[in-house]
PDB file of N, CA and C in Angstrom:
ATOM      1  N   MET A   1      -3.231  49.672  80.318  1.00  0.00           N
ATOM      2  CA  MET A   1      -2.790  49.211  81.626  1.00  0.00           C
ATOM      3  C   MET A   1      -1.552  50.007  82.041  1.00  0.00           C
ATOM      4  N   HIS A   2      -1.542  50.436  83.278  1.00  0.00           N
ATOM      5  CA  HIS A   2      -0.387  51.174  83.792  1.00  0.00           C
ATOM      6  C   HIS A   2       0.791  50.212  83.927  1.00  0.00           C
ATOM      7  N   TRP A   3       1.974  50.674  83.584  1.00  0.00           N
ATOM      8  CA  TRP A   3       3.155  49.811  83.593  1.00  0.00           C
ATOM      9  C   TRP A   3       3.435  49.205  84.952  1.00  0.00           C
ATOM     10  N   GLU A   4       3.048  49.883  86.014  1.00  0.00           N
ATOM     11  CA  GLU A   4       3.440  49.393  87.329  1.00  0.00           C
ATOM     12  C   GLU A   4       2.376  48.511  87.974  1.00  0.00           C
ATOM     13  N   GLU A   5       1.264  48.285  87.282  1.00  0.00           N
ATOM     14  CA  GLU A   5       0.295  47.338  87.804  1.00  0.00           C
ATOM     15  C   GLU A   5       0.869  45.938  87.641  1.00  0.00           C
ATOM     16  N   PRO A   6       0.560  45.037  88.587  1.00  0.00           N
ATOM     17  CA  PRO A   6       1.031  43.666  88.399  1.00  0.00           C
ATOM     18  C   PRO A   6       0.306  43.036  87.208  1.00  0.00           C
ATOM     19  N   TRP A   7       1.051  42.415  86.325  1.00  0.00           N
ATOM     20  CA  TRP A   7       0.464  41.777  85.144  1.00  0.00           C
ATOM     21  C   TRP A   7       0.170  40.325  85.464  1.00  0.00           C
ATOM     22  N   ARG A   8      -1.069  39.902  85.215  1.00  0.00           N
ATOM     23  CA  ARG A   8      -1.386  38.485  85.325  1.00  0.00           C
ATOM     24  C   ARG A   8      -0.661  37.764  84.189  1.00  0.00           C
ATOM     25  N   PRO A   9      -0.253  36.505  84.385  1.00  0.00           N
ATOM     26  CA  PRO A   9       0.489  35.786  83.336  1.00  0.00           C
ATOM     27  C   PRO A   9      -0.246  35.761  82.000  1.00  0.00           C
ATOM     28  N   GLU A  10      -1.561  35.563  82.028  1.00  0.00           N
ATOM     29  CA  GLU A  10      -2.305  35.508  80.759  1.00  0.00           C
ATOM     30  C   GLU A  10      -2.340  36.876  80.074  1.00  0.00           C
ATOM     31  N   THR A  11      -2.369  37.944  80.875  1.00  0.00           N
ATOM     32  CA  THR A  11      -2.336  39.291  80.295  1.00  0.00           C
ATOM     33  C   THR A  11      -0.992  39.532  79.631  1.00  0.00           C
ATOM     34  N   MET A  12       0.089  39.119  80.291  1.00  0.00           N
ATOM     35  CA  MET A  12       1.424  39.286  79.730  1.00  0.00           C
ATOM     36  C   MET A  12       1.551  38.517  78.424  1.00  0.00           C
ATOM     37  N   ARG A  13       1.069  37.270  78.404  1.00  0.00           N
ATOM     38  CA  ARG A  13       1.149  36.468  77.173  1.00  0.00           C
ATOM     39  C   ARG A  13       0.403  37.146  76.038  1.00  0.00           C
ATOM     40  N   GLU A  14      -0.808  37.632  76.319  1.00  0.00           N
ATOM     41  CA  GLU A  14      -1.603  38.302  75.287  1.00  0.00           C
ATOM     42  C   GLU A  14      -0.892  39.549  74.781  1.00  0.00           C
ATOM     43  N   ALA A  15      -0.308  40.318  75.693  1.00  0.00           N
ATOM     44  CA  ALA A  15       0.384  41.543  75.292  1.00  0.00           C
ATOM     45  C   ALA A  15       1.593  41.215  74.420  1.00  0.00           C
ATOM     46  N   VAL A  16       2.364  40.203  74.820  1.00  0.00           N
ATOM     47  CA  VAL A  16       3.548  39.815  74.047  1.00  0.00           C
ATOM     48  C   VAL A  16       3.135  39.318  72.666  1.00  0.00           C
ATOM     49  N   GLU A  17       2.073  38.494  72.602  1.00  0.00           N
ATOM     50  CA  GLU A  17       1.607  37.989  71.305  1.00  0.00           C
ATOM     51  C   GLU A  17       1.160  39.129  70.401  1.00  0.00           C
ATOM     52  N   LEU A  18       0.444  40.087  70.961  1.00  0.00           N
ATOM     53  CA  LEU A  18      -0.014  41.225  70.168  1.00  0.00           C
ATOM     54  C   LEU A  18       1.175  42.018  69.637  1.00  0.00           C
ATOM     55  N   LEU A  19       2.139  42.310  70.510  1.00  0.00           N
ATOM     56  CA  LEU A  19       3.314  43.068  70.084  1.00  0.00           C
ATOM     57  C   LEU A  19       4.083  42.324  68.995  1.00  0.00           C
ATOM     58  N   GLU A  20       4.206  41.000  69.142  1.00  0.00           N
ATOM     59  CA  GLU A  20       4.921  40.223  68.128  1.00  0.00           C
ATOM     60  C   GLU A  20       4.173  40.239  66.802  1.00  0.00           C
ATOM     61  N   ARG A  21       2.848  40.154  66.853  1.00  0.00           N
ATOM     62  CA  ARG A  21       2.052  40.225  65.611  1.00  0.00           C
ATOM     63  C   ARG A  21       2.229  41.573  64.930  1.00  0.00           C
ATOM     64  N   LEU A  22       2.427  42.613  65.741  1.00  0.00           N
ATOM     65  CA  LEU A  22       2.621  43.951  65.186  1.00  0.00           C
ATOM     66  C   LEU A  22       4.059  44.172  64.714  1.00  0.00           C
ATOM     67  N   GLY A  23       4.913  43.163  64.899  1.00  0.00           N
ATOM     68  CA  GLY A  23       6.287  43.271  64.428  1.00  0.00           C
ATOM     69  C   GLY A  23       7.235  43.954  65.393  1.00  0.00           C
ATOM     70  N   VAL A  24       6.823  44.095  66.657  1.00  0.00           N
ATOM     71  CA  VAL A  24       7.689  44.739  67.647  1.00  0.00           C
ATOM     72  C   VAL A  24       8.744  43.743  68.105  1.00  0.00           C
ATOM     73  N   GLU A  25       9.996  44.183  68.108  1.00  0.00           N
ATOM     74  CA  GLU A  25      11.084  43.324  68.569  1.00  0.00           C
ATOM     75  C   GLU A  25      11.451  43.703  70.004  1.00  0.00           C
ATOM     76  N   ASN A  26      12.264  42.871  70.621  1.00  0.00           N
ATOM     77  CA  ASN A  26      12.762  43.134  71.980  1.00  0.00           C
ATOM     78  C   ASN A  26      11.629  43.280  72.993  1.00  0.00           C
ATOM     79  N   VAL A  27      10.613  42.426  72.852  1.00  0.00           N
ATOM     80  CA  VAL A  27       9.472  42.494  73.769  1.00  0.00           C
ATOM     81  C   VAL A  27       9.908  42.160  75.188  1.00  0.00           C
ATOM     82  N   GLY A  28      11.018  41.451  75.334  1.00  0.00           N
ATOM     83  CA  GLY A  28      11.427  40.967  76.643  1.00  0.00           C
ATOM     84  C   GLY A  28      12.139  41.978  77.519  1.00  0.00           C
ATOM     85  N   VAL A  29      12.136  43.254  77.176  1.00  0.00           N
ATOM     86  CA  VAL A  29      12.769  44.238  78.059  1.00  0.00           C
ATOM     87  C   VAL A  29      12.084  44.159  79.425  1.00  0.00           C
ATOM     88  N   ASP A  30      12.870  44.063  80.464  1.00  0.00           N
ATOM     89  CA  ASP A  30      12.339  43.855  81.809  1.00  0.00           C
ATOM     90  C   ASP A  30      11.763  45.157  82.357  1.00  0.00           C
ATOM     91  N   VAL A  31      10.452  45.243  82.372  1.00  0.00           N
ATOM     92  CA  VAL A  31       9.786  46.468  82.805  1.00  0.00           C
ATOM     93  C   VAL A  31      10.046  46.754  84.280  1.00  0.00           C
ATOM     94  N   ARG A  32      10.114  45.703  85.094  1.00  0.00           N
ATOM     95  CA  ARG A  32      10.375  45.921  86.524  1.00  0.00           C
ATOM     96  C   ARG A  32      11.749  46.548  86.742  1.00  0.00           C
ATOM     97  N   ALA A  33      12.737  46.095  85.974  1.00  0.00           N
ATOM     98  CA  ALA A  33      14.079  46.675  86.106  1.00  0.00           C
ATOM     99  C   ALA A  33      14.064  48.138  85.678  1.00  0.00           C
ATOM    100  N   LEU A  34      13.333  48.446  84.605  1.00  0.00           N
ATOM    101  CA  LEU A  34      13.226  49.835  84.168  1.00  0.00           C
ATOM    102  C   LEU A  34      12.548  50.675  85.243  1.00  0.00           C
ATOM    103  N   ALA A  35      11.525  50.105  85.893  1.00  0.00           N
ATOM    104  CA  ALA A  35      10.807  50.838  86.940  1.00  0.00           C
ATOM    105  C   ALA A  35      11.738  51.152  88.106  1.00  0.00           C
ATOM    106  N   ARG A  36      12.552  50.176  88.494  1.00  0.00           N
ATOM    107  CA  ARG A  36      13.488  50.404  89.605  1.00  0.00           C
ATOM    108  C   ARG A  36      14.501  51.487  89.249  1.00  0.00           C
ATOM    109  N   ARG A  37      15.045  51.415  88.037  1.00  0.00           N
ATOM    110  CA  ARG A  37      16.018  52.430  87.615  1.00  0.00           C
ATOM    111  C   ARG A  37      15.379  53.812  87.590  1.00  0.00           C
ATOM    112  N   ALA A  38      14.173  53.890  87.053  1.00  0.00           N
ATOM    113  CA  ALA A  38      13.489  55.182  86.961  1.00  0.00           C
ATOM    114  C   ALA A  38      13.194  55.734  88.350  1.00  0.00           C
ATOM    115  N   TYR A  39      12.778  54.867  89.277  1.00  0.00           N
ATOM    116  CA  TYR A  39      12.478  55.305  90.640  1.00  0.00           C
ATOM    117  C   TYR A  39      13.731  55.864  91.308  1.00  0.00           C
ATOM    118  N   ARG A  40      14.859  55.133  91.161  1.00  0.00           N
ATOM    119  CA  ARG A  40      16.120  55.597  91.754  1.00  0.00           C
ATOM    120  C   ARG A  40      16.549  56.933  91.159  1.00  0.00           C
ATOM    121  N   MET A  41      16.451  57.051  89.834  1.00  0.00           N
ATOM    122  CA  MET A  41      16.866  58.292  89.179  1.00  0.00           C
ATOM    123  C   MET A  41      16.028  59.467  89.657  1.00  0.00           C
ATOM    124  N   ALA A  42      14.712  59.254  89.749  1.00  0.00           N
ATOM    125  CA  ALA A  42      13.829  60.330  90.191  1.00  0.00           C
ATOM    126  C   ALA A  42      14.185  60.743  91.620  1.00  0.00           C
ATOM    127  N   ALA A  43      14.415  59.752  92.481  1.00  0.00           N
ATOM    128  CA  ALA A  43      14.741  60.047  93.881  1.00  0.00           C
ATOM    129  C   ALA A  43      16.076  60.781  93.995  1.00  0.00           C
ATOM    130  N   GLU A  44      17.078  60.320  93.242  1.00  0.00           N
ATOM    131  CA  GLU A  44      18.408  60.938  93.317  1.00  0.00           C
ATOM    132  C   GLU A  44      18.397  62.385  92.846  1.00  0.00           C
ATOM    133  N   ARG A  45      17.548  62.689  91.878  1.00  0.00           N
ATOM    134  CA  ARG A  45      17.538  64.026  91.290  1.00  0.00           C
ATOM    135  C   ARG A  45      16.455  64.929  91.871  1.00  0.00           C
ATOM    136  N   GLY A  46      15.659  64.377  92.799  1.00  0.00           N
ATOM    137  CA  GLY A  46      14.615  65.182  93.409  1.00  0.00           C
ATOM    138  C   GLY A  46      13.417  65.420  92.501  1.00  0.00           C
ATOM    139  N   TRP A  47      13.255  64.568  91.470  1.00  0.00           N
ATOM    140  CA  TRP A  47      12.103  64.707  90.584  1.00  0.00           C
ATOM    141  C   TRP A  47      10.892  64.045  91.219  1.00  0.00           C
ATOM    142  N   SER A  48       9.742  64.467  90.818  1.00  0.00           N
ATOM    143  CA  SER A  48       8.502  63.903  91.337  1.00  0.00           C
ATOM    144  C   SER A  48       8.400  62.420  90.982  1.00  0.00           C
ATOM    145  N   PRO A  49       7.993  61.583  91.954  1.00  0.00           N
ATOM    146  CA  PRO A  49       7.790  60.161  91.643  1.00  0.00           C
ATOM    147  C   PRO A  49       6.758  59.953  90.541  1.00  0.00           C
ATOM    148  N   ARG A  50       5.873  60.938  90.360  1.00  0.00           N
ATOM    149  CA  ARG A  50       4.880  60.808  89.288  1.00  0.00           C
ATOM    150  C   ARG A  50       5.532  60.820  87.912  1.00  0.00           C
ATOM    151  N   ARG A  51       6.780  61.256  87.848  1.00  0.00           N
ATOM    152  CA  ARG A  51       7.496  61.299  86.570  1.00  0.00           C
ATOM    153  C   ARG A  51       8.133  59.960  86.217  1.00  0.00           C
ATOM    154  N   ARG A  52       7.965  58.972  87.084  1.00  0.00           N
ATOM    155  CA  ARG A  52       8.630  57.691  86.859  1.00  0.00           C
ATOM    156  C   ARG A  52       8.224  57.057  85.530  1.00  0.00           C
ATOM    157  N   LEU A  53       6.957  57.151  85.170  1.00  0.00           N
ATOM    158  CA  LEU A  53       6.506  56.539  83.916  1.00  0.00           C
ATOM    159  C   LEU A  53       7.174  57.212  82.725  1.00  0.00           C
ATOM    160  N   ASP A  54       7.314  58.545  82.774  1.00  0.00           N
ATOM    161  CA  ASP A  54       8.031  59.247  81.711  1.00  0.00           C
ATOM    162  C   ASP A  54       9.466  58.738  81.618  1.00  0.00           C
ATOM    163  N   LEU A  55      10.115  58.600  82.771  1.00  0.00           N
ATOM    164  CA  LEU A  55      11.496  58.122  82.782  1.00  0.00           C
ATOM    165  C   LEU A  55      11.584  56.699  82.254  1.00  0.00           C
ATOM    166  N   MET A  56      10.597  55.871  82.580  1.00  0.00           N
ATOM    167  CA  MET A  56      10.607  54.496  82.091  1.00  0.00           C
ATOM    168  C   MET A  56      10.540  54.465  80.569  1.00  0.00           C
ATOM    169  N   HIS A  57       9.734  55.343  79.983  1.00  0.00           N
ATOM    170  CA  HIS A  57       9.664  55.396  78.523  1.00  0.00           C
ATOM    171  C   HIS A  57      11.022  55.776  77.937  1.00  0.00           C
ATOM    172  N   LEU A  58      11.679  56.748  78.548  1.00  0.00           N
ATOM    173  CA  LEU A  58      12.991  57.171  78.058  1.00  0.00           C
ATOM    174  C   LEU A  58      14.017  56.054  78.207  1.00  0.00           C
ATOM    175  N   LEU A  59      14.026  55.398  79.367  1.00  0.00           N
ATOM    176  CA  LEU A  59      14.978  54.314  79.585  1.00  0.00           C
ATOM    177  C   LEU A  59      14.727  53.171  78.615  1.00  0.00           C
ATOM    178  N   ALA A  60      13.457  52.866  78.356  1.00  0.00           N
ATOM    179  CA  ALA A  60      13.136  51.808  77.393  1.00  0.00           C
ATOM    180  C   ALA A  60      13.628  52.186  76.006  1.00  0.00           C
ATOM    181  N   ALA A  61      13.462  53.451  75.629  1.00  0.00           N
ATOM    182  CA  ALA A  61      13.925  53.898  74.313  1.00  0.00           C
ATOM    183  C   ALA A  61      15.434  53.735  74.195  1.00  0.00           C
ATOM    184  N   VAL A  62      16.157  54.096  75.262  1.00  0.00           N
ATOM    185  CA  VAL A  62      17.615  53.948  75.252  1.00  0.00           C
ATOM    186  C   VAL A  62      17.979  52.468  75.157  1.00  0.00           C
ATOM    187  N   GLU A  63      17.320  51.644  75.972  1.00  0.00           N
ATOM    188  CA  GLU A  63      17.617  50.210  76.016  1.00  0.00           C
ATOM    189  C   GLU A  63      17.351  49.541  74.671  1.00  0.00           C
ATOM    190  N   LEU A  64      16.310  49.977  73.979  1.00  0.00           N
ATOM    191  CA  LEU A  64      15.936  49.361  72.705  1.00  0.00           C
ATOM    192  C   LEU A  64      16.673  49.977  71.527  1.00  0.00           C
ATOM    193  N   GLY A  65      17.512  50.963  71.783  1.00  0.00           N
ATOM    194  CA  GLY A  65      18.277  51.563  70.703  1.00  0.00           C
ATOM    195  C   GLY A  65      17.457  52.472  69.810  1.00  0.00           C
ATOM    196  N   CYS A  66      16.416  53.081  70.359  1.00  0.00           N
ATOM    197  CA  CYS A  66      15.580  53.979  69.570  1.00  0.00           C
ATOM    198  C   CYS A  66      16.329  55.293  69.315  1.00  0.00           C
ATOM    199  N   HIS A  67      15.935  55.964  68.265  1.00  0.00           N
ATOM    200  CA  HIS A  67      16.551  57.251  67.943  1.00  0.00           C
ATOM    201  C   HIS A  67      15.691  58.418  68.410  1.00  0.00           C
ATOM    202  N   GLY A  68      14.446  58.146  68.724  1.00  0.00           N
ATOM    203  CA  GLY A  68      13.539  59.212  69.138  1.00  0.00           C
ATOM    204  C   GLY A  68      12.580  58.711  70.191  1.00  0.00           C
ATOM    205  N   VAL A  69      11.849  59.619  70.752  1.00  0.00           N
ATOM    206  CA  VAL A  69      10.868  59.259  71.765  1.00  0.00           C
ATOM    207  C   VAL A  69       9.711  60.236  71.660  1.00  0.00           C
ATOM    208  N   VAL A  70       8.513  59.738  71.899  1.00  0.00           N
ATOM    209  CA  VAL A  70       7.356  60.616  71.905  1.00  0.00           C
ATOM    210  C   VAL A  70       7.379  61.413  73.198  1.00  0.00           C
ATOM    211  N   ALA A  71       7.354  62.713  73.119  1.00  0.00           N
ATOM    212  CA  ALA A  71       7.386  63.555  74.311  1.00  0.00           C
ATOM    213  C   ALA A  71       6.005  64.147  74.538  1.00  0.00           C
ATOM    214  N   VAL A  72       5.499  63.988  75.747  1.00  0.00           N
ATOM    215  CA  VAL A  72       4.162  64.481  76.042  1.00  0.00           C
ATOM    216  C   VAL A  72       4.187  65.834  76.736  1.00  0.00           C
ATOM    217  N   ASP A  73       5.321  66.250  77.218  1.00  0.00           N
ATOM    218  CA  ASP A  73       5.389  67.560  77.862  1.00  0.00           C
ATOM    219  C   ASP A  73       6.837  68.039  77.884  1.00  0.00           C
ATOM    220  N   ARG A  74       7.049  69.219  78.418  1.00  0.00           N
ATOM    221  CA  ARG A  74       8.393  69.802  78.416  1.00  0.00           C
ATOM    222  C   ARG A  74       9.369  68.987  79.258  1.00  0.00           C
ATOM    223  N   PHE A  75       8.875  68.417  80.354  1.00  0.00           N
ATOM    224  CA  PHE A  75       9.743  67.620  81.221  1.00  0.00           C
ATOM    225  C   PHE A  75      10.366  66.469  80.442  1.00  0.00           C
ATOM    226  N   ILE A  76       9.533  65.676  79.786  1.00  0.00           N
ATOM    227  CA  ILE A  76      10.061  64.503  79.095  1.00  0.00           C
ATOM    228  C   ILE A  76      10.904  64.926  77.896  1.00  0.00           C
ATOM    229  N   ALA A  77      10.593  66.057  77.286  1.00  0.00           N
ATOM    230  CA  ALA A  77      11.411  66.552  76.173  1.00  0.00           C
ATOM    231  C   ALA A  77      12.827  66.880  76.662  1.00  0.00           C
ATOM    232  N   ARG A  78      12.918  67.530  77.826  1.00  0.00           N
ATOM    233  CA  ARG A  78      14.246  67.850  78.386  1.00  0.00           C
ATOM    234  C   ARG A  78      15.010  66.577  78.740  1.00  0.00           C
ATOM    235  N   ARG A  79      14.322  65.616  79.360  1.00  0.00           N
ATOM    236  CA  ARG A  79      14.989  64.364  79.711  1.00  0.00           C
ATOM    237  C   ARG A  79      15.456  63.646  78.448  1.00  0.00           C
ATOM    238  N   ALA A  80      14.659  63.662  77.406  1.00  0.00           N
ATOM    239  CA  ALA A  80      15.043  62.994  76.155  1.00  0.00           C
ATOM    240  C   ALA A  80      16.339  63.590  75.624  1.00  0.00           C
ATOM    241  N   ARG A  81      16.439  64.897  75.657  1.00  0.00           N
ATOM    242  CA  ARG A  81      17.666  65.547  75.174  1.00  0.00           C
ATOM    243  C   ARG A  81      18.866  65.141  76.036  1.00  0.00           C
ATOM    244  N   GLU A  82      18.649  65.003  77.352  1.00  0.00           N
ATOM    245  CA  GLU A  82      19.743  64.581  78.231  1.00  0.00           C
ATOM    246  C   GLU A  82      20.273  63.209  77.844  1.00  0.00           C
ATOM    247  N   TYR A  83      19.396  62.358  77.336  1.00  0.00           N
ATOM    248  CA  TYR A  83      19.806  61.015  76.934  1.00  0.00           C
ATOM    249  C   TYR A  83      20.292  60.970  75.492  1.00  0.00           C
ATOM    250  N   GLY A  84      20.321  62.111  74.832  1.00  0.00           N
ATOM    251  CA  GLY A  84      20.766  62.137  73.449  1.00  0.00           C
ATOM    252  C   GLY A  84      19.727  61.616  72.477  1.00  0.00           C
ATOM    253  N   LEU A  85      18.470  61.573  72.901  1.00  0.00           N
ATOM    254  CA  LEU A  85      17.397  61.115  72.025  1.00  0.00           C
ATOM    255  C   LEU A  85      16.799  62.303  71.295  1.00  0.00           C
ATOM    256  N   LEU A  86      16.398  62.063  70.080  1.00  0.00           N
ATOM    257  CA  LEU A  86      15.709  63.092  69.316  1.00  0.00           C
ATOM    258  C   LEU A  86      14.316  63.271  69.905  1.00  0.00           C
ATOM    259  N   TYR A  87      13.957  64.484  70.236  1.00  0.00           N
ATOM    260  CA  TYR A  87      12.604  64.752  70.732  1.00  0.00           C
ATOM    261  C   TYR A  87      11.691  64.952  69.541  1.00  0.00           C
ATOM    262  N   VAL A  88      10.692  64.121  69.432  1.00  0.00           N
ATOM    263  CA  VAL A  88       9.730  64.254  68.343  1.00  0.00           C
ATOM    264  C   VAL A  88       8.338  64.279  68.939  1.00  0.00           C
ATOM    265  N   ASN A  89       7.429  64.944  68.265  1.00  0.00           N
ATOM    266  CA  ASN A  89       6.069  65.021  68.801  1.00  0.00           C
ATOM    267  C   ASN A  89       5.116  64.146  68.001  1.00  0.00           C
ATOM    268  N   HIS A  90       5.662  63.126  67.355  1.00  0.00           N
ATOM    269  CA  HIS A  90       4.808  62.157  66.681  1.00  0.00           C
ATOM    270  C   HIS A  90       5.357  60.769  66.962  1.00  0.00           C
ATOM    271  N   TYR A  91       4.585  59.760  66.673  1.00  0.00           N
ATOM    272  CA  TYR A  91       4.964  58.397  67.019  1.00  0.00           C
ATOM    273  C   TYR A  91       6.122  57.918  66.149  1.00  0.00           C
ATOM    274  N   THR A  92       7.138  57.344  66.773  1.00  0.00           N
ATOM    275  CA  THR A  92       8.323  56.909  66.035  1.00  0.00           C
ATOM    276  C   THR A  92       8.443  55.395  65.963  1.00  0.00           C
ATOM    277  N   GLY A  93       7.521  54.685  66.588  1.00  0.00           N
ATOM    278  CA  GLY A  93       7.620  53.239  66.613  1.00  0.00           C
ATOM    279  C   GLY A  93       8.356  52.715  67.832  1.00  0.00           C
ATOM    280  N   CYS A  94       8.768  53.596  68.718  1.00  0.00           N
ATOM    281  CA  CYS A  94       9.434  53.194  69.953  1.00  0.00           C
ATOM    282  C   CYS A  94       8.556  53.613  71.131  1.00  0.00           C
ATOM    283  N   PRO A  95       8.858  53.065  72.323  1.00  0.00           N
ATOM    284  CA  PRO A  95       8.018  53.413  73.480  1.00  0.00           C
ATOM    285  C   PRO A  95       7.924  54.911  73.709  1.00  0.00           C
TER     286      PRO A  95
END
């Protein structure tokens, strides 16, 4: 499911339960707030709005105190470095 689609309450409950079963902490990070921050950042810097999801992943990693982030392309790798995150090309357990 795309992060910016509206989540039905039952879908949200199922997602939270699954994440908790998998041992994920801090499930309550407010995705809408991350989306707003990412949208503003993209607009202020002249980045493509299509990059908002990449920015949301980076902001979530910062918010959750992650040390690394999965980078899918050069853009997100550069942004990760700007945030002081380790750029890794494998899953680190963070968004």
